[in-house]
């Protein structure tokens, strides 16, 4: 069984964890992929038309280097950096924040071995 980390060792705030759960949870039979990134809405009108609509939570993760928005995706997708993937792996391994039934697909993508049966 994985050893739990002390409280505060998880590099995401409560709002960031909520955002991650919302964006990456399996829903309606669809399992979002880390490789495909997180979809970002664009402004559809006004002076910022066509620019990405970045939520404050996502902006904070970008500032800390956990997520990147490459120019080749025209600001429509955000991807976890290597640092962000390592932090996401720690979040999953902690066991308190991401339900294995809804986020099992992340375990596979992050390369976390499946726990032995009966635990």
PDB file of N, CA and C in Angstrom:
ATOM      1  N   UNK A   1       0.843  -1.174   0.000  1.00  0.00           N
ATOM      2  CA  UNK A   1       0.000   0.000   0.000  1.00  0.00           C
ATOM      3  C   UNK A   1       0.889   1.239   0.000  1.00  0.00           C
ATOM      4  N   UNK A   2       0.442   2.273  -0.697  1.00  0.00           N
ATOM      5  CA  UNK A   2       1.257   3.478  -0.756  1.00  0.00           C
ATOM      6  C   UNK A   2       1.211   4.205   0.577  1.00  0.00           C
ATOM      7  N   UNK A   3       2.317   4.815   0.907  1.00  0.00           N
ATOM      8  CA  UNK A   3       2.423   5.539   2.174  1.00  0.00           C
ATOM      9  C   UNK A   3       1.890   6.950   1.981  1.00  0.00           C
ATOM     10  N   UNK A   4       1.008   7.370   2.850  1.00  0.00           N
ATOM     11  CA  UNK A   4       0.437   8.711   2.754  1.00  0.00           C
ATOM     12  C   UNK A   4       1.447   9.752   3.195  1.00  0.00           C
ATOM     13  N   UNK A   5       1.375  10.889   2.529  1.00  0.00           N
ATOM     14  CA  UNK A   5       2.277  11.985   2.854  1.00  0.00           C
ATOM     15  C   UNK A   5       1.668  12.837   3.956  1.00  0.00           C
ATOM     16  N   UNK A   6       2.494  13.581   4.676  1.00  0.00           N
ATOM     17  CA  UNK A   6       1.949  14.445   5.724  1.00  0.00           C
ATOM     18  C   UNK A   6       1.049  15.524   5.121  1.00  0.00           C
ATOM     19  N   UNK A   7       0.050  16.018   5.876  1.00  0.00           N
ATOM     20  CA  UNK A   7      -0.811  17.082   5.373  1.00  0.00           C
ATOM     21  C   UNK A   7       0.014  18.280   4.916  1.00  0.00           C
ATOM     22  N   UNK A   8      -0.400  18.892   3.828  1.00  0.00           N
ATOM     23  CA  UNK A   8       0.309  20.047   3.304  1.00  0.00           C
ATOM     24  C   UNK A   8       1.377  19.682   2.290  1.00  0.00           C
ATOM     25  N   UNK A   9       1.660  18.386   2.104  1.00  0.00           N
ATOM     26  CA  UNK A   9       2.691  17.974   1.164  1.00  0.00           C
ATOM     27  C   UNK A   9       2.178  17.978  -0.274  1.00  0.00           C
ATOM     28  N   UNK A  10       0.867  18.051  -0.457  1.00  0.00           N
ATOM     29  CA  UNK A  10       0.289  18.058  -1.796  1.00  0.00           C
ATOM     30  C   UNK A  10       0.434  19.461  -2.380  1.00  0.00           C
ATOM     31  N   UNK A  11       1.013  19.575  -3.582  1.00  0.00           N
ATOM     32  CA  UNK A  11       1.333  20.890  -4.133  1.00  0.00           C
ATOM     33  C   UNK A  11       0.166  21.631  -4.782  1.00  0.00           C
ATOM     34  N   UNK A  12      -1.070  21.214  -4.542  1.00  0.00           N
ATOM     35  CA  UNK A  12      -2.227  21.900  -5.104  1.00  0.00           C
ATOM     36  C   UNK A  12      -3.096  22.450  -3.977  1.00  0.00           C
ATOM     37  N   UNK A  13      -3.665  23.621  -4.200  1.00  0.00           N
ATOM     38  CA  UNK A  13      -4.600  24.191  -3.235  1.00  0.00           C
ATOM     39  C   UNK A  13      -5.938  23.470  -3.353  1.00  0.00           C
ATOM     40  N   UNK A  14      -6.836  23.726  -2.430  1.00  0.00           N
ATOM     41  CA  UNK A  14      -8.160  23.097  -2.473  1.00  0.00           C
ATOM     42  C   UNK A  14      -8.895  23.469  -3.761  1.00  0.00           C
ATOM     43  N   UNK A  15      -8.799  24.722  -4.182  1.00  0.00           N
ATOM     44  CA  UNK A  15      -9.457  25.160  -5.418  1.00  0.00           C
ATOM     45  C   UNK A  15      -8.845  24.466  -6.635  1.00  0.00           C
ATOM     46  N   UNK A  16      -7.526  24.295  -6.635  1.00  0.00           N
ATOM     47  CA  UNK A  16      -6.864  23.614  -7.748  1.00  0.00           C
ATOM     48  C   UNK A  16      -7.248  22.143  -7.793  1.00  0.00           C
ATOM     49  N   UNK A  17      -7.335  21.505  -6.623  1.00  0.00           N
ATOM     50  CA  UNK A  17      -7.755  20.102  -6.588  1.00  0.00           C
ATOM     51  C   UNK A  17      -9.176  19.953  -7.121  1.00  0.00           C
ATOM     52  N   UNK A  18     -10.050  20.871  -6.765  1.00  0.00           N
ATOM     53  CA  UNK A  18     -11.426  20.846  -7.255  1.00  0.00           C
ATOM     54  C   UNK A  18     -11.457  21.011  -8.776  1.00  0.00           C
ATOM     55  N   UNK A  19     -10.655  21.935  -9.294  1.00  0.00           N
ATOM     56  CA  UNK A  19     -10.564  22.159 -10.738  1.00  0.00           C
ATOM     57  C   UNK A  19     -10.060  20.899 -11.445  1.00  0.00           C
ATOM     58  N   UNK A  20      -9.040  20.269 -10.896  1.00  0.00           N
ATOM     59  CA  UNK A  20      -8.485  19.046 -11.481  1.00  0.00           C
ATOM     60  C   UNK A  20      -9.537  17.945 -11.492  1.00  0.00           C
ATOM     61  N   UNK A  21     -10.245  17.773 -10.382  1.00  0.00           N
ATOM     62  CA  UNK A  21     -11.299  16.751 -10.330  1.00  0.00           C
ATOM     63  C   UNK A  21     -12.388  17.037 -11.358  1.00  0.00           C
ATOM     64  N   UNK A  22     -12.772  18.290 -11.495  1.00  0.00           N
ATOM     65  CA  UNK A  22     -13.821  18.672 -12.437  1.00  0.00           C
ATOM     66  C   UNK A  22     -13.390  18.397 -13.877  1.00  0.00           C
ATOM     67  N   UNK A  23     -12.166  18.729 -14.217  1.00  0.00           N
ATOM     68  CA  UNK A  23     -11.703  18.608 -15.596  1.00  0.00           C
ATOM     69  C   UNK A  23     -11.272  17.196 -15.987  1.00  0.00           C
ATOM     70  N   UNK A  24     -10.791  16.412 -15.035  1.00  0.00           N
ATOM     71  CA  UNK A  24     -10.200  15.117 -15.383  1.00  0.00           C
ATOM     72  C   UNK A  24     -11.005  13.905 -14.929  1.00  0.00           C
ATOM     73  N   UNK A  25     -12.175  14.104 -14.330  1.00  0.00           N
ATOM     74  CA  UNK A  25     -12.986  12.972 -13.870  1.00  0.00           C
ATOM     75  C   UNK A  25     -13.649  12.276 -15.051  1.00  0.00           C
ATOM     76  N   UNK A  26     -13.748  10.952 -14.961  1.00  0.00           N
ATOM     77  CA  UNK A  26     -14.488  10.187 -15.956  1.00  0.00           C
ATOM     78  C   UNK A  26     -15.969  10.497 -15.773  1.00  0.00           C
ATOM     79  N   UNK A  27     -16.629  10.888 -16.859  1.00  0.00           N
ATOM     80  CA  UNK A  27     -18.052  11.213 -16.785  1.00  0.00           C
ATOM     81  C   UNK A  27     -18.738  10.767 -18.071  1.00  0.00           C
ATOM     82  N   UNK A  28     -19.909  10.164 -17.917  1.00  0.00           N
ATOM     83  CA  UNK A  28     -20.702   9.707 -19.055  1.00  0.00           C
ATOM     84  C   UNK A  28     -19.904   8.772 -19.960  1.00  0.00           C
ATOM     85  N   UNK A  29     -19.050   7.960 -19.377  1.00  0.00           N
ATOM     86  CA  UNK A  29     -18.268   6.989 -20.137  1.00  0.00           C
ATOM     87  C   UNK A  29     -17.046   7.566 -20.828  1.00  0.00           C
ATOM     88  N   UNK A  30     -16.802   8.845 -20.666  1.00  0.00           N
ATOM     89  CA  UNK A  30     -15.652   9.499 -21.298  1.00  0.00           C
ATOM     90  C   UNK A  30     -14.572   9.685 -20.246  1.00  0.00           C
ATOM     91  N   UNK A  31     -13.360   9.250 -20.581  1.00  0.00           N
ATOM     92  CA  UNK A  31     -12.221   9.395 -19.672  1.00  0.00           C
ATOM     93  C   UNK A  31     -11.246  10.401 -20.265  1.00  0.00           C
ATOM     94  N   UNK A  32     -11.223  11.622 -19.743  1.00  0.00           N
ATOM     95  CA  UNK A  32     -10.310  12.634 -20.271  1.00  0.00           C
ATOM     96  C   UNK A  32      -8.853  12.173 -20.185  1.00  0.00           C
ATOM     97  N   UNK A  33      -8.092  12.506 -21.204  1.00  0.00           N
ATOM     98  CA  UNK A  33      -6.694  12.098 -21.266  1.00  0.00           C
ATOM     99  C   UNK A  33      -5.777  13.270 -20.929  1.00  0.00           C
ATOM    100  N   UNK A  34      -4.744  12.989 -20.157  1.00  0.00           N
ATOM    101  CA  UNK A  34      -3.749  14.020 -19.864  1.00  0.00           C
ATOM    102  C   UNK A  34      -3.046  14.460 -21.141  1.00  0.00           C
ATOM    103  N   UNK A  35      -2.849  13.526 -22.065  1.00  0.00           N
ATOM    104  CA  UNK A  35      -2.159  13.830 -23.311  1.00  0.00           C
ATOM    105  C   UNK A  35      -2.946  14.820 -24.172  1.00  0.00           C
ATOM    106  N   UNK A  36      -4.270  14.812 -24.051  1.00  0.00           N
ATOM    107  CA  UNK A  36      -5.095  15.734 -24.837  1.00  0.00           C
ATOM    108  C   UNK A  36      -5.231  17.094 -24.177  1.00  0.00           C
ATOM    109  N   UNK A  37      -4.833  17.194 -22.924  1.00  0.00           N
ATOM    110  CA  UNK A  37      -4.859  18.472 -22.226  1.00  0.00           C
ATOM    111  C   UNK A  37      -6.235  18.861 -21.722  1.00  0.00           C
ATOM    112  N   UNK A  38      -6.293  20.045 -21.158  1.00  0.00           N
ATOM    113  CA  UNK A  38      -7.531  20.610 -20.619  1.00  0.00           C
ATOM    114  C   UNK A  38      -8.024  21.660 -21.600  1.00  0.00           C
ATOM    115  N   UNK A  39      -9.268  21.526 -22.027  1.00  0.00           N
ATOM    116  CA  UNK A  39      -9.841  22.463 -22.996  1.00  0.00           C
ATOM    117  C   UNK A  39     -10.078  23.818 -22.339  1.00  0.00           C
ATOM    118  N   UNK A  40      -9.705  24.873 -23.062  1.00  0.00           N
ATOM    119  CA  UNK A  40      -9.873  26.239 -22.582  1.00  0.00           C
ATOM    120  C   UNK A  40     -10.882  26.947 -23.486  1.00  0.00           C
ATOM    121  N   UNK A  41     -11.865  27.582 -22.891  1.00  0.00           N
ATOM    122  CA  UNK A  41     -12.833  28.362 -23.669  1.00  0.00           C
ATOM    123  C   UNK A  41     -12.178  29.644 -24.159  1.00  0.00           C
ATOM    124  N   UNK A  42     -12.728  30.184 -25.240  1.00  0.00           N
ATOM    125  CA  UNK A  42     -12.243  31.445 -25.793  1.00  0.00           C
ATOM    126  C   UNK A  42     -13.318  32.509 -25.631  1.00  0.00           C
ATOM    127  N   UNK A  43     -12.876  33.762 -25.521  1.00  0.00           N
ATOM    128  CA  UNK A  43     -13.825  34.860 -25.511  1.00  0.00           C
ATOM    129  C   UNK A  43     -14.487  34.905 -26.882  1.00  0.00           C
ATOM    130  N   UNK A  44     -15.812  35.041 -26.912  1.00  0.00           N
ATOM    131  CA  UNK A  44     -16.529  35.028 -28.188  1.00  0.00           C
ATOM    132  C   UNK A  44     -16.939  36.421 -28.649  1.00  0.00           C
ATOM    133  N   UNK A  45     -16.811  37.404 -27.784  1.00  0.00           N
ATOM    134  CA  UNK A  45     -17.173  38.762 -28.183  1.00  0.00           C
ATOM    135  C   UNK A  45     -16.343  39.758 -27.382  1.00  0.00           C
ATOM    136  N   UNK A  46     -16.471  41.007 -27.767  1.00  0.00           N
ATOM    137  CA  UNK A  46     -15.774  42.069 -27.046  1.00  0.00           C
ATOM    138  C   UNK A  46     -14.345  42.255 -27.518  1.00  0.00           C
ATOM    139  N   UNK A  47     -13.617  43.080 -26.791  1.00  0.00           N
ATOM    140  CA  UNK A  47     -12.250  43.418 -27.186  1.00  0.00           C
ATOM    141  C   UNK A  47     -11.289  42.240 -27.040  1.00  0.00           C
ATOM    142  N   UNK A  48     -11.662  41.232 -26.259  1.00  0.00           N
ATOM    143  CA  UNK A  48     -10.782  40.068 -26.048  1.00  0.00           C
ATOM    144  C   UNK A  48     -11.202  38.875 -26.906  1.00  0.00           C
ATOM    145  N   UNK A  49     -12.036  39.097 -27.892  1.00  0.00           N
ATOM    146  CA  UNK A  49     -12.546  38.031 -28.748  1.00  0.00           C
ATOM    147  C   UNK A  49     -11.400  37.178 -29.297  1.00  0.00           C
ATOM    148  N   UNK A  50     -11.550  35.854 -29.161  1.00  0.00           N
ATOM    149  CA  UNK A  50     -10.556  34.922 -29.670  1.00  0.00           C
ATOM    150  C   UNK A  50      -9.441  34.602 -28.686  1.00  0.00           C
ATOM    151  N   UNK A  51      -9.328  35.369 -27.605  1.00  0.00           N
ATOM    152  CA  UNK A  51      -8.303  35.100 -26.591  1.00  0.00           C
ATOM    153  C   UNK A  51      -8.794  34.025 -25.630  1.00  0.00           C
ATOM    154  N   UNK A  52      -7.870  33.266 -25.039  1.00  0.00           N
ATOM    155  CA  UNK A  52      -8.296  32.237 -24.080  1.00  0.00           C
ATOM    156  C   UNK A  52      -8.890  32.849 -22.815  1.00  0.00           C
ATOM    157  N   UNK A  53      -9.942  32.213 -22.324  1.00  0.00           N
ATOM    158  CA  UNK A  53     -10.613  32.623 -21.086  1.00  0.00           C
ATOM    159  C   UNK A  53     -10.015  31.766 -19.973  1.00  0.00           C
ATOM    160  N   UNK A  54      -8.990  32.275 -19.300  1.00  0.00           N
ATOM    161  CA  UNK A  54      -8.236  31.493 -18.314  1.00  0.00           C
ATOM    162  C   UNK A  54      -8.817  31.717 -16.919  1.00  0.00           C
ATOM    163  N   UNK A  55      -9.377  30.657 -16.312  1.00  0.00           N
ATOM    164  CA  UNK A  55      -9.884  30.803 -14.944  1.00  0.00           C
ATOM    165  C   UNK A  55      -8.739  31.133 -13.987  1.00  0.00           C
ATOM    166  N   UNK A  56      -9.011  31.870 -12.909  1.00  0.00           N
ATOM    167  CA  UNK A  56      -7.954  32.235 -11.953  1.00  0.00           C
ATOM    168  C   UNK A  56      -7.192  31.028 -11.405  1.00  0.00           C
ATOM    169  N   UNK A  57      -7.893  29.927 -11.179  1.00  0.00           N
ATOM    170  CA  UNK A  57      -7.236  28.720 -10.650  1.00  0.00           C
ATOM    171  C   UNK A  57      -6.207  28.204 -11.655  1.00  0.00           C
ATOM    172  N   UNK A  58      -6.580  28.171 -12.918  1.00  0.00           N
ATOM    173  CA  UNK A  58      -5.664  27.715 -13.961  1.00  0.00           C
ATOM    174  C   UNK A  58      -4.500  28.691 -14.105  1.00  0.00           C
ATOM    175  N   UNK A  59      -4.793  29.988 -14.023  1.00  0.00           N
ATOM    176  CA  UNK A  59      -3.742  30.998 -14.099  1.00  0.00           C
ATOM    177  C   UNK A  59      -2.702  30.828 -13.003  1.00  0.00           C
ATOM    178  N   UNK A  60      -3.158  30.486 -11.801  1.00  0.00           N
ATOM    179  CA  UNK A  60      -2.228  30.272 -10.684  1.00  0.00           C
ATOM    180  C   UNK A  60      -1.327  29.069 -10.950  1.00  0.00           C
ATOM    181  N   UNK A  61      -1.883  28.004 -11.528  1.00  0.00           N
ATOM    182  CA  UNK A  61      -1.064  26.819 -11.830  1.00  0.00           C
ATOM    183  C   UNK A  61      -0.082  27.108 -12.963  1.00  0.00           C
ATOM    184  N   UNK A  62      -0.475  27.956 -13.913  1.00  0.00           N
ATOM    185  CA  UNK A  62       0.435  28.345 -14.994  1.00  0.00           C
ATOM    186  C   UNK A  62       1.594  29.157 -14.420  1.00  0.00           C
ATOM    187  N   UNK A  63       1.291  30.105 -13.534  1.00  0.00           N
ATOM    188  CA  UNK A  63       2.335  30.933 -12.913  1.00  0.00           C
ATOM    189  C   UNK A  63       3.341  30.097 -12.134  1.00  0.00           C
ATOM    190  N   UNK A  64       2.869  29.026 -11.503  1.00  0.00           N
ATOM    191  CA  UNK A  64       3.754  28.169 -10.709  1.00  0.00           C
ATOM    192  C   UNK A  64       4.453  27.108 -11.555  1.00  0.00           C
ATOM    193  N   UNK A  65       4.196  27.090 -12.864  1.00  0.00           N
ATOM    194  CA  UNK A  65       4.891  26.158 -13.744  1.00  0.00           C
ATOM    195  C   UNK A  65       4.338  24.744 -13.729  1.00  0.00           C
ATOM    196  N   UNK A  66       3.120  24.560 -13.231  1.00  0.00           N
ATOM    197  CA  UNK A  66       2.521  23.226 -13.199  1.00  0.00           C
ATOM    198  C   UNK A  66       1.779  22.910 -14.494  1.00  0.00           C
ATOM    199  N   UNK A  67       1.345  23.960 -15.189  1.00  0.00           N
ATOM    200  CA  UNK A  67       0.600  23.815 -16.439  1.00  0.00           C
ATOM    201  C   UNK A  67       1.170  24.806 -17.440  1.00  0.00           C
ATOM    202  N   UNK A  68       1.111  24.430 -18.727  1.00  0.00           N
ATOM    203  CA  UNK A  68       1.601  25.287 -19.806  1.00  0.00           C
ATOM    204  C   UNK A  68       0.537  25.356 -20.897  1.00  0.00           C
ATOM    205  N   UNK A  69       0.488  26.482 -21.595  1.00  0.00           N
ATOM    206  CA  UNK A  69      -0.412  26.639 -22.737  1.00  0.00           C
ATOM    207  C   UNK A  69       0.439  26.941 -23.966  1.00  0.00           C
ATOM    208  N   UNK A  70       0.826  25.908 -24.733  1.00  0.00           N
ATOM    209  CA  UNK A  70       1.686  26.143 -25.893  1.00  0.00           C
ATOM    210  C   UNK A  70       0.981  26.957 -26.980  1.00  0.00           C
ATOM    211  N   UNK A  71       1.750  27.797 -27.654  1.00  0.00           N
ATOM    212  CA  UNK A  71       1.203  28.673 -28.690  1.00  0.00           C
ATOM    213  C   UNK A  71       0.645  27.883 -29.872  1.00  0.00           C
ATOM    214  N   UNK A  72       1.210  26.697 -30.146  1.00  0.00           N
ATOM    215  CA  UNK A  72       0.746  25.929 -31.306  1.00  0.00           C
ATOM    216  C   UNK A  72      -0.694  25.443 -31.163  1.00  0.00           C
ATOM    217  N   UNK A  73      -1.231  25.441 -29.952  1.00  0.00           N
ATOM    218  CA  UNK A  73      -2.634  25.073 -29.744  1.00  0.00           C
ATOM    219  C   UNK A  73      -3.539  26.301 -29.726  1.00  0.00           C
ATOM    220  N   UNK A  74      -2.999  27.448 -30.061  1.00  0.00           N
ATOM    221  CA  UNK A  74      -3.741  28.701 -30.139  1.00  0.00           C
ATOM    222  C   UNK A  74      -4.485  29.037 -28.848  1.00  0.00           C
ATOM    223  N   UNK A  75      -3.917  28.634 -27.717  1.00  0.00           N
ATOM    224  CA  UNK A  75      -4.520  28.952 -26.432  1.00  0.00           C
ATOM    225  C   UNK A  75      -5.783  28.184 -26.115  1.00  0.00           C
ATOM    226  N   UNK A  76      -6.061  27.108 -26.859  1.00  0.00           N
ATOM    227  CA  UNK A  76      -7.295  26.359 -26.633  1.00  0.00           C
ATOM    228  C   UNK A  76      -7.109  25.142 -25.738  1.00  0.00           C
ATOM    229  N   UNK A  77      -5.885  24.792 -25.419  1.00  0.00           N
ATOM    230  CA  UNK A  77      -5.608  23.640 -24.558  1.00  0.00           C
ATOM    231  C   UNK A  77      -4.480  23.989 -23.592  1.00  0.00           C
ATOM    232  N   UNK A  78      -4.576  23.412 -22.393  1.00  0.00           N
ATOM    233  CA  UNK A  78      -3.534  23.570 -21.379  1.00  0.00           C
ATOM    234  C   UNK A  78      -3.049  22.179 -21.002  1.00  0.00           C
ATOM    235  N   UNK A  79      -1.743  22.035 -20.844  1.00  0.00           N
ATOM    236  CA  UNK A  79      -1.139  20.731 -20.561  1.00  0.00           C
ATOM    237  C   UNK A  79      -0.305  20.807 -19.291  1.00  0.00           C
ATOM    238  N   UNK A  80      -0.288  19.705 -18.544  1.00  0.00           N
ATOM    239  CA  UNK A  80       0.568  19.624 -17.368  1.00  0.00           C
ATOM    240  C   UNK A  80       2.022  19.550 -17.819  1.00  0.00           C
ATOM    241  N   UNK A  81       2.889  20.313 -17.166  1.00  0.00           N
ATOM    242  CA  UNK A  81       4.326  20.236 -17.411  1.00  0.00           C
ATOM    243  C   UNK A  81       4.864  18.999 -16.688  1.00  0.00           C
ATOM    244  N   UNK A  82       6.158  18.726 -16.833  1.00  0.00           N
ATOM    245  CA  UNK A  82       6.752  17.595 -16.107  1.00  0.00           C
ATOM    246  C   UNK A  82       6.613  17.794 -14.601  1.00  0.00           C
ATOM    247  N   UNK A  83       6.800  19.028 -14.152  1.00  0.00           N
ATOM    248  CA  UNK A  83       6.614  19.338 -12.732  1.00  0.00           C
ATOM    249  C   UNK A  83       5.162  19.110 -12.329  1.00  0.00           C
ATOM    250  N   UNK A  84       4.237  19.532 -13.179  1.00  0.00           N
ATOM    251  CA  UNK A  84       2.818  19.346 -12.907  1.00  0.00           C
ATOM    252  C   UNK A  84       2.420  17.883 -12.888  1.00  0.00           C
ATOM    253  N   UNK A  85       2.998  17.089 -13.800  1.00  0.00           N
ATOM    254  CA  UNK A  85       2.703  15.651 -13.816  1.00  0.00           C
ATOM    255  C   UNK A  85       3.223  14.971 -12.555  1.00  0.00           C
ATOM    256  N   UNK A  86       4.409  15.387 -12.096  1.00  0.00           N
ATOM    257  CA  UNK A  86       4.956  14.820 -10.855  1.00  0.00           C
ATOM    258  C   UNK A  86       4.062  15.184  -9.669  1.00  0.00           C
ATOM    259  N   UNK A  87       3.567  16.422  -9.651  1.00  0.00           N
ATOM    260  CA  UNK A  87       2.667  16.851  -8.573  1.00  0.00           C
ATOM    261  C   UNK A  87       1.340  16.104  -8.643  1.00  0.00           C
ATOM    262  N   UNK A  88       0.831  15.896  -9.855  1.00  0.00           N
ATOM    263  CA  UNK A  88      -0.417  15.151 -10.032  1.00  0.00           C
ATOM    264  C   UNK A  88      -0.246  13.700  -9.592  1.00  0.00           C
ATOM    265  N   UNK A  89       0.912  13.146  -9.867  1.00  0.00           N
ATOM    266  CA  UNK A  89       1.201  11.773  -9.430  1.00  0.00           C
ATOM    267  C   UNK A  89       1.203  11.691  -7.903  1.00  0.00           C
ATOM    268  N   UNK A  90       1.813  12.675  -7.234  1.00  0.00           N
ATOM    269  CA  UNK A  90       1.797  12.706  -5.762  1.00  0.00           C
ATOM    270  C   UNK A  90       0.377  12.842  -5.236  1.00  0.00           C
ATOM    271  N   UNK A  91      -0.432  13.660  -5.918  1.00  0.00           N
ATOM    272  CA  UNK A  91      -1.824  13.849  -5.515  1.00  0.00           C
ATOM    273  C   UNK A  91      -2.588  12.534  -5.608  1.00  0.00           C
ATOM    274  N   UNK A  92      -2.387  11.794  -6.694  1.00  0.00           N
ATOM    275  CA  UNK A  92      -3.079  10.512  -6.874  1.00  0.00           C
ATOM    276  C   UNK A  92      -2.600   9.494  -5.846  1.00  0.00           C
ATOM    277  N   UNK A  93      -1.296   9.432  -5.640  1.00  0.00           N
ATOM    278  CA  UNK A  93      -0.734   8.442  -4.717  1.00  0.00           C
ATOM    279  C   UNK A  93      -1.119   8.714  -3.265  1.00  0.00           C
ATOM    280  N   UNK A  94      -1.461   9.958  -2.941  1.00  0.00           N
ATOM    281  CA  UNK A  94      -1.844  10.291  -1.572  1.00  0.00           C
ATOM    282  C   UNK A  94      -3.081   9.507  -1.141  1.00  0.00           C
ATOM    283  N   UNK A  95      -4.008   9.290  -2.058  1.00  0.00           N
ATOM    284  CA  UNK A  95      -5.175   8.474  -1.761  1.00  0.00           C
ATOM    285  C   UNK A  95      -6.363   9.216  -1.187  1.00  0.00           C
ATOM    286  N   UNK A  96      -6.185  10.463  -0.792  1.00  0.00           N
ATOM    287  CA  UNK A  96      -7.291  11.208  -0.185  1.00  0.00           C
ATOM    288  C   UNK A  96      -8.051  12.069  -1.182  1.00  0.00           C
ATOM    289  N   UNK A  97      -7.464  12.374  -2.316  1.00  0.00           N
ATOM    290  CA  UNK A  97      -8.016  13.414  -3.171  1.00  0.00           C
ATOM    291  C   UNK A  97      -8.657  12.928  -4.466  1.00  0.00           C
ATOM    292  N   UNK A  98      -8.171  11.836  -5.036  1.00  0.00           N
ATOM    293  CA  UNK A  98      -8.693  11.354  -6.311  1.00  0.00           C
ATOM    294  C   UNK A  98      -9.199   9.924  -6.161  1.00  0.00           C
ATOM    295  N   UNK A  99     -10.502   9.743  -6.316  1.00  0.00           N
ATOM    296  CA  UNK A  99     -11.147   8.441  -6.200  1.00  0.00           C
ATOM    297  C   UNK A  99     -10.653   7.518  -7.321  1.00  0.00           C
ATOM    298  N   UNK A 100     -10.110   6.347  -6.987  1.00  0.00           N
ATOM    299  CA  UNK A 100      -9.587   5.438  -8.010  1.00  0.00           C
ATOM    300  C   UNK A 100     -10.633   4.989  -9.029  1.00  0.00           C
ATOM    301  N   UNK A 101     -11.903   4.947  -8.641  1.00  0.00           N
ATOM    302  CA  UNK A 101     -12.940   4.548  -9.595  1.00  0.00           C
ATOM    303  C   UNK A 101     -13.161   5.605 -10.670  1.00  0.00           C
ATOM    304  N   UNK A 102     -13.121   6.861 -10.297  1.00  0.00           N
ATOM    305  CA  UNK A 102     -13.350   7.942 -11.264  1.00  0.00           C
ATOM    306  C   UNK A 102     -12.070   8.411 -11.943  1.00  0.00           C
ATOM    307  N   UNK A 103     -10.921   8.136 -11.326  1.00  0.00           N
ATOM    308  CA  UNK A 103      -9.657   8.647 -11.851  1.00  0.00           C
ATOM    309  C   UNK A 103      -8.649   7.537 -12.134  1.00  0.00           C
ATOM    310  N   UNK A 104      -9.119   6.303 -12.289  1.00  0.00           N
ATOM    311  CA  UNK A 104      -8.228   5.176 -12.580  1.00  0.00           C
ATOM    312  C   UNK A 104      -7.459   5.367 -13.876  1.00  0.00           C
ATOM    313  N   UNK A 105      -8.075   6.046 -14.837  1.00  0.00           N
ATOM    314  CA  UNK A 105      -7.401   6.298 -16.107  1.00  0.00           C
ATOM    315  C   UNK A 105      -6.155   7.164 -15.909  1.00  0.00           C
ATOM    316  N   UNK A 106      -6.153   8.026 -14.893  1.00  0.00           N
ATOM    317  CA  UNK A 106      -4.966   8.842 -14.615  1.00  0.00           C
ATOM    318  C   UNK A 106      -3.830   7.980 -14.085  1.00  0.00           C
ATOM    319  N   UNK A 107      -4.184   6.988 -13.266  1.00  0.00           N
ATOM    320  CA  UNK A 107      -3.166   6.074 -12.736  1.00  0.00           C
ATOM    321  C   UNK A 107      -2.413   5.435 -13.895  1.00  0.00           C
ATOM    322  N   UNK A 108      -3.148   4.987 -14.894  1.00  0.00           N
ATOM    323  CA  UNK A 108      -2.524   4.354 -16.054  1.00  0.00           C
ATOM    324  C   UNK A 108      -1.626   5.339 -16.798  1.00  0.00           C
ATOM    325  N   UNK A 109      -2.114   6.559 -17.034  1.00  0.00           N
ATOM    326  CA  UNK A 109      -1.325   7.552 -17.771  1.00  0.00           C
ATOM    327  C   UNK A 109      -0.101   8.029 -16.998  1.00  0.00           C
ATOM    328  N   UNK A 110      -0.216   8.079 -15.683  1.00  0.00           N
ATOM    329  CA  UNK A 110       0.906   8.540 -14.857  1.00  0.00           C
ATOM    330  C   UNK A 110       1.915   7.430 -14.573  1.00  0.00           C
ATOM    331  N   UNK A 111       1.600   6.206 -14.996  1.00  0.00           N
ATOM    332  CA  UNK A 111       2.529   5.092 -14.801  1.00  0.00           C
ATOM    333  C   UNK A 111       2.571   4.580 -13.378  1.00  0.00           C
ATOM    334  N   UNK A 112       1.479   4.739 -12.655  1.00  0.00           N
ATOM    335  CA  UNK A 112       1.409   4.244 -11.281  1.00  0.00           C
ATOM    336  C   UNK A 112       0.945   2.792 -11.331  1.00  0.00           C
ATOM    337  N   UNK A 113       1.686   1.874 -10.716  1.00  0.00           N
ATOM    338  CA  UNK A 113       1.271   0.469 -10.763  1.00  0.00           C
ATOM    339  C   UNK A 113      -0.056   0.254 -10.040  1.00  0.00           C
ATOM    340  N   UNK A 114      -0.800  -0.724 -10.531  1.00  0.00           N
ATOM    341  CA  UNK A 114      -2.089  -1.055  -9.914  1.00  0.00           C
ATOM    342  C   UNK A 114      -1.847  -1.685  -8.553  1.00  0.00           C
ATOM    343  N   UNK A 115      -2.623  -1.288  -7.542  1.00  0.00           N
ATOM    344  CA  UNK A 115      -2.422  -1.874  -6.212  1.00  0.00           C
ATOM    345  C   UNK A 115      -2.795  -3.351  -6.216  1.00  0.00           C
ATOM    346  N   UNK A 116      -2.158  -4.146  -5.365  1.00  0.00           N
ATOM    347  CA  UNK A 116      -2.495  -5.566  -5.305  1.00  0.00           C
ATOM    348  C   UNK A 116      -3.944  -5.764  -4.865  1.00  0.00           C
ATOM    349  N   UNK A 117      -4.549  -6.850  -5.314  1.00  0.00           N
ATOM    350  CA  UNK A 117      -5.934  -7.150  -4.947  1.00  0.00           C
ATOM    351  C   UNK A 117      -6.048  -7.400  -3.454  1.00  0.00           C
ATOM    352  N   UNK A 118      -7.191  -7.043  -2.897  1.00  0.00           N
ATOM    353  CA  UNK A 118      -7.433  -7.285  -1.482  1.00  0.00           C
ATOM    354  C   UNK A 118      -6.993  -6.166  -0.569  1.00  0.00           C
ATOM    355  N   UNK A 119      -6.510  -5.076  -1.140  1.00  0.00           N
ATOM    356  CA  UNK A 119      -6.084  -3.946  -0.287  1.00  0.00           C
ATOM    357  C   UNK A 119      -7.075  -2.825  -0.440  1.00  0.00           C
TER     358      UNK A 119
END
